[in-house]
């Protein structure tokens, strides 16, 4: 954070050469946090999910949200009003372009919750501008973007937190610890809940372009290739369109559940070396023989996800037992001995509160957060590779070091995508 901002109050008093009355809030008294210790945050593209995440930022006393930019003026105005109502002031500013937020020296970090197409370009622009980043998932559109994002974050020495908040949700952490601490014996397979993959929706019919002061369609599309405008895209119907969203649906849940599986199996630094497909189920095999299974249903504990474990279920299997959990907060295992003294309190997996707190703590300490850019890179690479295997419908061999498929030009062509020149980075 800026030295000038941290020392402004003391410096101004000394410069004046006279006694200064400073309110208790500026000194950190009466439950307030002094401005010198406060993390100032701006937002980029905050729709419905972004509003849930920014609400978690509002709840942290050492954080101040001050700015929002969005290609849709109405959405920016919603955030401005929410913010000013929360802080009981009129300090939150709206912008049309993210560069205006990134140029503000008083802003330390940004929350990025745009559609998938913007996640990597916006994050890269932010770290190049010296900002720390909390980015919603999927963070990348391709394997190459996963590498690009990680390299830029590390090059500029910024704090990056992928919005895979389940790493900071107690039941997922509890299940992962059972695997990591050997309570299940040697891990043989990890199962990531998914939704049905598919090739993508047909484009929506074109409509007349809106006033750019209301919706800036060119800016909304950003790095995606040109396509006709339809208002439904801007209302959330962009999901499942290959030009706008990531990974033939595998990334929507896989970026969460594959992430937890890699964490539990101790594979945060790698990816499987083989992928096979059987219908809607994708099988991966790591170099040590551990299996990754990306599947829709068939979880044994409380039944399928619709009946108990809710969305984003995971199952961790070892030689001595298994454990399952999901967004409902329930944990089911093969033995009561796994539980120890106390089971975790049920907590919805979609709640970002602890994940945001972890991010803010790391902005201050400069330590790596729960899902930093390296972890996000490998988790997303695995999800993208699994998605490519499903799309091609054949067995693929993958090299985690080069992040390329072995001897398969068609598969490797899907590791990257073209971006519009005006929005390339």
Protein backbone atom coordinates (compact mmCIF):
# COMPACT_ATOMS: atom_id res chain seq x y z
CA UNK A 1 0.00 0.00 0.00
CA UNK A 2 1.09 3.53 -0.74
CA UNK A 3 3.49 5.08 1.75
CA UNK A 4 2.01 8.48 0.95
CA UNK A 5 -1.47 7.36 1.87
CA UNK A 6 -0.33 5.62 5.04
CA UNK A 7 1.51 8.67 6.32
CA UNK A 8 -0.82 11.38 5.06
CA UNK A 9 -2.48 12.24 8.37
CA UNK A 10 0.76 12.49 10.37
CA UNK A 11 2.53 14.31 7.54
CA UNK A 12 -0.24 16.85 7.13
CA UNK A 13 -0.19 17.67 10.83
CA UNK A 14 3.57 18.15 10.89
CA UNK A 15 3.47 20.30 7.79
CA UNK A 16 0.88 22.59 9.34
CA UNK A 17 3.05 23.11 12.39
CA UNK A 18 0.05 23.43 14.65
CA UNK A 19 -2.16 21.21 16.82
CA UNK A 20 -4.50 19.04 14.77
CA UNK A 21 -7.75 17.47 15.92
CA UNK A 22 -8.00 14.02 14.37
CA UNK A 23 -11.24 12.00 14.67
CA UNK A 24 -11.05 8.73 16.58
CA UNK A 25 -11.88 6.77 13.40
CA UNK A 26 -8.68 8.07 11.80
CA UNK A 27 -6.67 6.78 14.74
CA UNK A 28 -8.27 3.36 14.74
CA UNK A 29 -10.22 3.85 17.96
CA UNK A 30 -13.83 3.03 18.84
CA UNK A 31 -13.83 -0.11 16.72
CA UNK A 32 -12.61 1.66 13.58
CA UNK A 33 -9.55 0.81 11.51
CA UNK A 34 -7.10 3.63 10.84
CA UNK A 35 -6.89 4.61 7.14
CA UNK A 36 -3.18 3.76 7.17
CA UNK A 37 -4.11 0.11 7.82
CA UNK A 38 -7.15 -0.03 5.57
CA UNK A 39 -7.14 -1.89 2.26
CA UNK A 40 -8.81 0.15 -0.46
CA UNK A 41 -10.64 -1.93 -3.07
CA UNK A 42 -12.25 -1.29 -6.44
CA UNK A 43 -14.55 -3.54 -8.46
CA UNK A 44 -14.53 -4.57 -12.11
CA UNK A 45 -17.71 -6.03 -13.61
CA UNK A 46 -19.87 -6.95 -10.61
CA UNK A 47 -23.10 -8.72 -11.53
CA UNK A 48 -25.15 -11.03 -9.25
CA UNK A 49 -22.17 -13.12 -8.09
CA UNK A 50 -20.01 -10.03 -7.73
CA UNK A 51 -22.60 -8.48 -5.42
CA UNK A 52 -22.38 -11.49 -3.09
CA UNK A 53 -18.60 -11.23 -2.99
CA UNK A 54 -18.47 -7.45 -2.53
CA UNK A 55 -20.87 -7.86 0.37
CA UNK A 56 -18.19 -9.97 2.06
CA UNK A 57 -15.70 -7.13 1.52
CA UNK A 58 -18.16 -4.67 3.08
CA UNK A 59 -18.18 -6.78 6.24
CA UNK A 60 -14.44 -6.41 6.88
CA UNK A 61 -13.57 -3.35 8.97
CA UNK A 62 -10.06 -3.05 7.56
CA UNK A 63 -11.38 -2.78 4.00
CA UNK A 64 -12.96 0.13 2.12
CA UNK A 65 -14.66 -0.40 -1.25
CA UNK A 66 -14.51 2.83 -3.24
CA UNK A 67 -15.04 2.34 -6.99
CA UNK A 68 -16.83 0.26 -9.61
CA UNK A 69 -16.54 0.03 -13.39
CA UNK A 70 -18.91 -1.95 -15.57
CA UNK A 71 -19.83 -1.96 -19.25
CA UNK A 72 -23.46 -1.88 -18.09
CA UNK A 73 -24.30 1.45 -16.48
CA UNK A 74 -27.22 0.03 -14.49
CA UNK A 75 -25.04 -2.58 -12.81
CA UNK A 76 -22.41 -0.01 -11.90
CA UNK A 77 -25.12 2.17 -10.38
CA UNK A 78 -26.45 -0.76 -8.31
CA UNK A 79 -23.01 -1.29 -6.79
CA UNK A 80 -22.52 2.43 -6.20
CA UNK A 81 -25.79 2.64 -4.29
CA UNK A 82 -25.09 -0.55 -2.32
CA UNK A 83 -21.68 0.75 -1.34
CA UNK A 84 -22.75 4.23 -0.33
CA UNK A 85 -25.68 2.82 1.63
CA UNK A 86 -23.33 0.45 3.44
CA UNK A 87 -20.76 3.12 4.37
CA UNK A 88 -23.32 5.91 4.79
CA UNK A 89 -21.46 8.27 2.46
CA UNK A 90 -21.24 9.17 -1.22
CA UNK A 91 -17.62 8.16 -1.79
CA UNK A 92 -18.05 5.27 -4.24
CA UNK A 93 -17.31 6.36 -7.81
CA UNK A 94 -18.43 4.74 -11.08
CA UNK A 95 -16.30 4.37 -14.22
CA UNK A 96 -16.85 3.13 -17.74
CA UNK A 97 -13.38 1.61 -18.14
CA UNK A 98 -11.25 -0.44 -15.79
CA UNK A 99 -8.14 1.56 -16.68
CA UNK A 100 -9.58 4.50 -14.73
CA UNK A 101 -9.78 2.38 -11.58
CA UNK A 102 -6.35 0.86 -12.16
CA UNK A 103 -4.87 4.35 -12.49
CA UNK A 104 -6.02 5.35 -8.99
CA UNK A 105 -3.00 5.26 -6.70
CA UNK A 106 -5.16 5.00 -3.59
CA UNK A 107 -6.62 1.63 -4.66
CA UNK A 108 -4.67 -1.38 -3.37
CA UNK A 109 -6.70 -4.28 -4.75
CA UNK A 110 -9.50 -5.09 -7.18
CA UNK A 111 -12.36 -7.57 -7.16
CA UNK A 112 -12.94 -8.96 -10.67
CA UNK A 113 -16.29 -10.68 -11.26
CA UNK A 114 -16.86 -10.16 -14.98
CA UNK A 115 -17.80 -12.97 -17.33
CA UNK A 116 -15.14 -15.61 -17.99
CA UNK A 117 -13.81 -13.91 -21.14
CA UNK A 118 -12.52 -10.92 -19.17
CA UNK A 119 -11.02 -12.69 -16.13
CA UNK A 120 -7.47 -13.18 -17.37
CA UNK A 121 -7.09 -9.91 -19.34
CA UNK A 122 -8.52 -7.85 -16.48
CA UNK A 123 -6.35 -9.64 -13.91
CA UNK A 124 -3.21 -9.14 -16.00
CA UNK A 125 -3.96 -5.44 -16.47
CA UNK A 126 -4.51 -5.14 -12.72
CA UNK A 127 -1.26 -6.78 -11.62
CA UNK A 128 0.67 -4.75 -14.17
CA UNK A 129 -0.86 -1.65 -12.54
CA UNK A 130 0.40 -2.82 -9.15
CA UNK A 131 -2.93 -4.04 -7.78
CA UNK A 132 -3.63 -7.23 -5.85
CA UNK A 133 -6.47 -9.28 -7.30
CA UNK A 134 -9.42 -11.36 -6.12
CA UNK A 135 -10.82 -12.93 -9.30
CA UNK A 136 -13.94 -15.02 -9.70
CA UNK A 137 -13.73 -18.34 -11.46
CA UNK A 138 -13.22 -19.81 -13.99
CA UNK A 139 -10.21 -17.51 -14.01
CA UNK A 140 -9.13 -18.50 -17.51
CA UNK A 141 -10.59 -19.49 -20.87
CA UNK A 142 -7.75 -21.80 -21.95
CA UNK A 143 -4.66 -23.66 -20.81
CA UNK A 144 -2.47 -20.90 -22.26
CA UNK A 145 -4.37 -18.21 -20.34
CA UNK A 146 -3.81 -20.22 -17.14
CA UNK A 147 -0.06 -20.05 -17.70
CA UNK A 148 -0.17 -16.40 -18.79
CA UNK A 149 -2.09 -15.33 -15.69
CA UNK A 150 0.21 -17.13 -13.25
CA UNK A 151 3.37 -15.82 -14.90
CA UNK A 152 2.15 -12.21 -14.83
CA UNK A 153 1.08 -12.42 -11.18
CA UNK A 154 4.46 -13.81 -10.11
CA UNK A 155 6.39 -11.42 -12.35
CA UNK A 156 4.75 -8.40 -10.73
CA UNK A 157 4.83 -9.93 -7.22
CA UNK A 158 1.14 -9.38 -6.57
CA UNK A 159 -1.29 -11.22 -4.29
CA UNK A 160 -3.82 -13.22 -6.31
CA UNK A 161 -6.78 -15.14 -4.95
CA UNK A 162 -8.90 -17.26 -7.30
CA UNK A 163 -12.55 -17.23 -6.27
CA UNK A 164 -12.59 -20.95 -5.46
CA UNK A 165 -13.94 -20.15 -2.01
CA UNK A 166 -14.52 -23.78 -1.01
CA UNK A 167 -10.88 -23.96 0.10
CA UNK A 168 -11.96 -21.76 2.99
CA UNK A 169 -15.26 -23.54 3.72
CA UNK A 170 -14.98 -25.81 6.76
CA UNK A 171 -16.54 -29.04 5.46
CA UNK A 172 -14.39 -29.08 2.30
CA UNK A 173 -11.28 -28.28 4.35
CA UNK A 174 -12.18 -31.02 6.84
CA UNK A 175 -12.59 -33.64 4.11
CA UNK A 176 -9.32 -32.57 2.49
CA UNK A 177 -7.46 -32.83 5.81
CA UNK A 178 -8.68 -36.42 6.25
CA UNK A 179 -6.98 -37.26 2.97
CA UNK A 180 -3.86 -35.19 3.58
CA UNK A 181 -3.30 -36.58 7.08
CA UNK A 182 -3.57 -40.20 5.98
CA UNK A 183 -6.88 -40.91 7.76
CA UNK A 184 -8.17 -42.56 4.59
CA UNK A 185 -4.93 -44.43 3.92
CA UNK A 186 -3.15 -44.00 0.62
CA UNK A 187 -5.37 -41.98 -1.71
CA UNK A 188 -6.39 -44.04 -4.73
CA UNK A 189 -8.97 -41.81 -6.42
CA UNK A 190 -10.57 -38.39 -6.09
CA UNK A 191 -13.99 -37.66 -7.56
CA UNK A 192 -15.01 -34.19 -8.73
CA UNK A 193 -18.72 -33.43 -9.16
CA UNK A 194 -19.56 -31.83 -12.49
CA UNK A 195 -22.52 -30.81 -14.60
CA UNK A 196 -23.32 -32.27 -17.99
CA UNK A 197 -20.72 -31.07 -20.53
CA UNK A 198 -22.00 -29.99 -23.94
CA UNK A 199 -20.67 -28.38 -27.08
CA UNK A 200 -22.29 -24.97 -26.58
CA UNK A 201 -25.51 -23.05 -27.23
CA UNK A 202 -26.33 -21.74 -30.67
CA UNK A 203 -25.84 -17.96 -30.96
CA UNK A 204 -28.82 -15.83 -29.97
CA UNK A 205 -30.46 -13.76 -32.73
CA UNK A 206 -28.99 -10.32 -33.30
CA UNK A 207 -30.73 -7.20 -31.99
CA UNK A 208 -30.11 -3.46 -32.51
CA UNK A 209 -27.12 -2.20 -30.57
CA UNK A 210 -27.96 -0.30 -27.36
CA UNK A 211 -26.78 3.19 -26.50
CA UNK A 212 -23.13 2.68 -25.40
CA UNK A 213 -23.83 4.93 -22.43
CA UNK A 214 -26.26 2.24 -21.25
CA UNK A 215 -24.45 -0.92 -22.39
CA UNK A 216 -21.10 -0.63 -24.09
CA UNK A 217 -21.36 -3.83 -26.16
CA UNK A 218 -17.85 -3.56 -27.59
CA UNK A 219 -16.41 -3.20 -24.09
CA UNK A 220 -18.69 -5.94 -22.77
CA UNK A 221 -17.40 -8.37 -25.40
CA UNK A 222 -13.85 -7.27 -24.69
CA UNK A 223 -11.35 -9.93 -25.81
CA UNK A 224 -14.03 -12.22 -27.30
CA UNK A 225 -14.48 -12.31 -31.05
CA UNK A 226 -17.15 -10.05 -32.56
CA UNK A 227 -20.72 -11.35 -32.43
CA UNK A 228 -24.20 -9.82 -32.79
CA UNK A 229 -25.66 -8.14 -29.73
CA UNK A 230 -28.55 -9.72 -27.82
CA UNK A 231 -29.68 -8.28 -24.49
CA UNK A 232 -30.00 -11.76 -22.97
CA UNK A 233 -26.21 -12.16 -23.07
CA UNK A 234 -25.92 -9.16 -20.77
CA UNK A 235 -28.57 -10.61 -18.46
CA UNK A 236 -26.52 -13.73 -17.74
CA UNK A 237 -27.29 -15.84 -20.81
CA UNK A 238 -23.65 -15.73 -21.91
CA UNK A 239 -22.92 -18.96 -20.02
CA UNK A 240 -22.56 -21.97 -22.27
CA UNK A 241 -21.68 -19.94 -25.37
CA UNK A 242 -18.22 -21.00 -26.50
CA UNK A 243 -17.16 -17.48 -27.50
CA UNK A 244 -18.05 -16.14 -24.03
CA UNK A 245 -17.61 -18.90 -21.45
CA UNK A 246 -15.03 -21.49 -20.63
CA UNK A 247 -14.62 -25.19 -21.10
CA UNK A 248 -17.86 -26.71 -22.45
CA UNK A 249 -19.40 -26.49 -18.95
CA UNK A 250 -16.68 -28.62 -17.29
CA UNK A 251 -15.02 -25.49 -15.87
CA UNK A 252 -18.18 -24.15 -14.18
CA UNK A 253 -18.08 -26.74 -11.40
CA UNK A 254 -14.75 -28.33 -12.21
CA UNK A 255 -12.81 -25.20 -11.36
CA UNK A 256 -14.16 -25.74 -7.82
CA UNK A 257 -14.36 -29.51 -7.44
CA UNK A 258 -11.23 -30.43 -9.38
CA UNK A 259 -9.47 -27.77 -7.32
CA UNK A 260 -10.54 -29.46 -4.06
CA UNK A 261 -9.58 -32.90 -5.40
CA UNK A 262 -6.09 -31.73 -6.38
CA UNK A 263 -5.69 -30.09 -2.96
CA UNK A 264 -6.77 -33.22 -1.08
CA UNK A 265 -4.58 -35.50 -3.19
CA UNK A 266 -1.49 -33.30 -2.82
CA UNK A 267 -1.50 -32.45 -6.54
CA UNK A 268 -1.60 -28.66 -6.41
CA UNK A 269 1.67 -28.55 -8.35
CA UNK A 270 0.74 -30.81 -11.27
CA UNK A 271 -1.97 -32.29 -13.49
CA UNK A 272 -2.89 -35.80 -14.67
CA UNK A 273 -0.77 -37.35 -17.40
CA UNK A 274 -3.64 -39.22 -19.07
CA UNK A 275 -7.30 -38.47 -19.78
CA UNK A 276 -10.04 -40.83 -20.99
CA UNK A 277 -13.76 -40.33 -21.56
CA UNK A 278 -16.77 -42.57 -21.03
CA UNK A 279 -19.95 -40.71 -21.91
CA UNK A 280 -20.16 -37.68 -19.61
CA UNK A 281 -17.52 -39.04 -17.21
CA UNK A 282 -13.89 -37.99 -17.64
CA UNK A 283 -11.07 -40.03 -16.10
CA UNK A 284 -7.61 -38.66 -15.39
CA UNK A 285 -4.54 -40.48 -14.10
CA UNK A 286 -1.69 -38.74 -12.28
CA UNK A 287 1.92 -39.86 -12.68
CA UNK A 288 1.78 -41.87 -9.42
CA UNK A 289 -1.36 -43.73 -10.49
CA UNK A 290 -3.91 -41.75 -8.45
CA UNK A 291 -7.15 -41.40 -10.42
CA UNK A 292 -9.21 -38.26 -10.96
CA UNK A 293 -12.85 -38.89 -11.85
CA UNK A 294 -14.91 -35.95 -13.12
CA UNK A 295 -18.53 -37.09 -13.04
CA UNK A 296 -22.13 -36.05 -12.62
CA UNK A 297 -23.67 -38.61 -10.27
CA UNK A 298 -23.19 -41.91 -8.46
CA UNK A 299 -21.87 -40.58 -5.15
CA UNK A 300 -22.45 -43.28 -2.52
CA UNK A 301 -22.72 -41.49 0.82
CA UNK A 302 -25.91 -39.43 0.92
CA UNK A 303 -26.83 -40.29 -2.64
CA UNK A 304 -26.52 -38.10 -5.69
CA UNK A 305 -25.87 -34.39 -5.22
CA UNK A 306 -29.53 -33.51 -5.73
CA UNK A 307 -30.48 -35.64 -2.67
CA UNK A 308 -28.03 -34.57 -0.01
CA UNK A 309 -24.63 -33.18 -0.81
CA UNK A 310 -26.07 -30.40 -2.96
CA UNK A 311 -23.93 -28.81 -5.69
CA UNK A 312 -20.18 -29.26 -6.17
CA UNK A 313 -19.80 -32.64 -4.42
CA UNK A 314 -16.42 -34.30 -4.01
CA UNK A 315 -15.51 -37.84 -2.98
CA UNK A 316 -12.04 -38.79 -1.74
CA UNK A 317 -11.16 -42.49 -1.68
CA UNK A 318 -8.23 -44.18 0.01
CA UNK A 319 -7.17 -47.72 0.80
CA UNK A 320 -8.70 -47.39 4.29
CA UNK A 321 -11.91 -45.46 3.61
CA UNK A 322 -13.68 -42.61 1.88
CA UNK A 323 -15.27 -39.24 2.59
CA UNK A 324 -17.78 -37.11 0.64
CA UNK A 325 -18.96 -33.55 1.02
CA UNK A 326 -20.72 -30.82 -0.94
CA UNK A 327 -22.25 -27.38 -0.77
CA UNK A 328 -24.93 -28.38 1.72
CA UNK A 329 -22.20 -28.55 4.36
CA UNK A 330 -22.84 -32.24 5.06
CA UNK A 331 -19.89 -34.59 5.43
CA UNK A 332 -20.33 -38.34 5.01
CA UNK A 333 -17.55 -40.88 5.55
CA UNK A 334 -16.99 -44.60 5.73
CA UNK A 335 -16.08 -44.59 9.44
CA UNK A 336 -17.03 -42.61 12.54
CA UNK A 337 -13.37 -42.73 13.57
CA UNK A 338 -12.64 -40.08 10.97
CA UNK A 339 -14.49 -37.43 12.89
CA UNK A 340 -12.24 -36.97 15.91
CA UNK A 341 -13.62 -34.67 18.58
CA UNK A 342 -15.99 -32.55 16.50
CA UNK A 343 -17.43 -32.45 13.01
CA UNK A 344 -17.38 -29.14 11.12
CA UNK A 345 -20.44 -26.92 11.35
CA UNK A 346 -22.47 -27.07 8.12
CA UNK A 347 -21.78 -24.06 5.91
CA UNK A 348 -22.88 -23.40 2.36
CA UNK A 349 -20.05 -23.81 -0.13
CA UNK A 350 -21.05 -20.67 -2.02
CA UNK A 351 -20.30 -18.31 0.89
CA UNK A 352 -17.09 -16.31 0.16
CA UNK A 353 -16.64 -14.66 3.59
CA UNK A 354 -13.64 -16.64 4.85
CA UNK A 355 -12.03 -16.65 1.40
CA UNK A 356 -12.24 -12.85 1.23
CA UNK A 357 -10.80 -12.60 4.75
CA UNK A 358 -7.91 -14.87 3.74
CA UNK A 359 -7.25 -12.61 0.73
CA UNK A 360 -7.21 -9.42 2.82
CA UNK A 361 -4.90 -11.01 5.39
CA UNK A 362 -2.49 -11.94 2.62
CA UNK A 363 -2.63 -8.47 1.08
CA UNK A 364 -1.25 -7.27 4.42
CA UNK A 365 1.20 -10.11 5.12
CA UNK A 366 2.24 -10.68 1.47
CA UNK A 367 1.92 -14.42 2.05
CA UNK A 368 0.33 -16.72 -0.53
CA UNK A 369 -3.46 -17.02 -0.17
CA UNK A 370 -5.41 -20.28 -0.17
CA UNK A 371 -5.79 -20.39 -3.96
CA UNK A 372 -2.89 -18.39 -5.34
CA UNK A 373 -1.99 -18.11 -9.01
CA UNK A 374 0.16 -21.27 -9.08
CA UNK A 375 -2.58 -23.41 -7.52
CA UNK A 376 -5.21 -21.82 -9.76
CA UNK A 377 -3.02 -22.44 -12.80
CA UNK A 378 -2.66 -26.17 -12.19
CA UNK A 379 -6.28 -26.67 -11.19
CA UNK A 380 -7.54 -24.81 -14.25
CA UNK A 381 -5.08 -26.58 -16.57
CA UNK A 382 -6.39 -29.92 -15.30
CA UNK A 383 -10.00 -28.82 -15.85
CA UNK A 384 -9.25 -27.50 -19.34
CA UNK A 385 -7.39 -30.68 -20.30
CA UNK A 386 -10.29 -32.82 -19.05
CA UNK A 387 -12.69 -30.64 -21.04
CA UNK A 388 -10.63 -31.02 -24.22
CA UNK A 389 -10.55 -34.81 -23.77
CA UNK A 390 -14.34 -34.82 -23.48
CA UNK A 391 -14.74 -32.65 -26.56
CA UNK A 392 -12.49 -34.89 -28.67
CA UNK A 393 -13.87 -38.10 -27.14
CA UNK A 394 -10.62 -40.01 -27.07
CA UNK A 395 -7.73 -40.92 -24.80
CA UNK A 396 -5.12 -38.17 -24.52
CA UNK A 397 -1.64 -38.13 -23.03
CA UNK A 398 -0.70 -34.89 -21.30
CA UNK A 399 2.63 -33.44 -20.16
CA UNK A 400 2.11 -31.23 -17.06
CA UNK A 401 5.54 -29.63 -17.51
CA UNK A 402 4.95 -28.34 -21.03
CA UNK A 403 1.17 -28.11 -20.54
CA UNK A 404 0.67 -29.74 -23.90
CA UNK A 405 -0.83 -32.99 -25.16
CA UNK A 406 1.71 -35.49 -26.47
CA UNK A 407 1.57 -36.02 -30.23
CA UNK A 408 -1.90 -34.52 -30.74
CA UNK A 409 -2.04 -31.33 -32.78
CA UNK A 410 -5.84 -31.16 -32.69
CA UNK A 411 -5.89 -31.23 -28.89
CA UNK A 412 -3.05 -28.72 -28.63
CA UNK A 413 -4.89 -26.31 -30.92
CA UNK A 414 -7.59 -26.13 -28.22
CA UNK A 415 -5.06 -24.98 -25.59
CA UNK A 416 -5.30 -21.41 -26.87
CA UNK A 417 -7.79 -19.02 -28.42
CA UNK A 418 -7.74 -15.83 -30.44
CA UNK A 419 -8.45 -12.51 -28.73
CA UNK A 420 -9.54 -9.33 -30.47
CA UNK A 421 -6.52 -7.11 -31.08
CA UNK A 422 -8.06 -4.07 -29.39
CA UNK A 423 -8.37 -6.07 -26.15
CA UNK A 424 -5.29 -8.28 -26.35
CA UNK A 425 -2.68 -8.06 -23.60
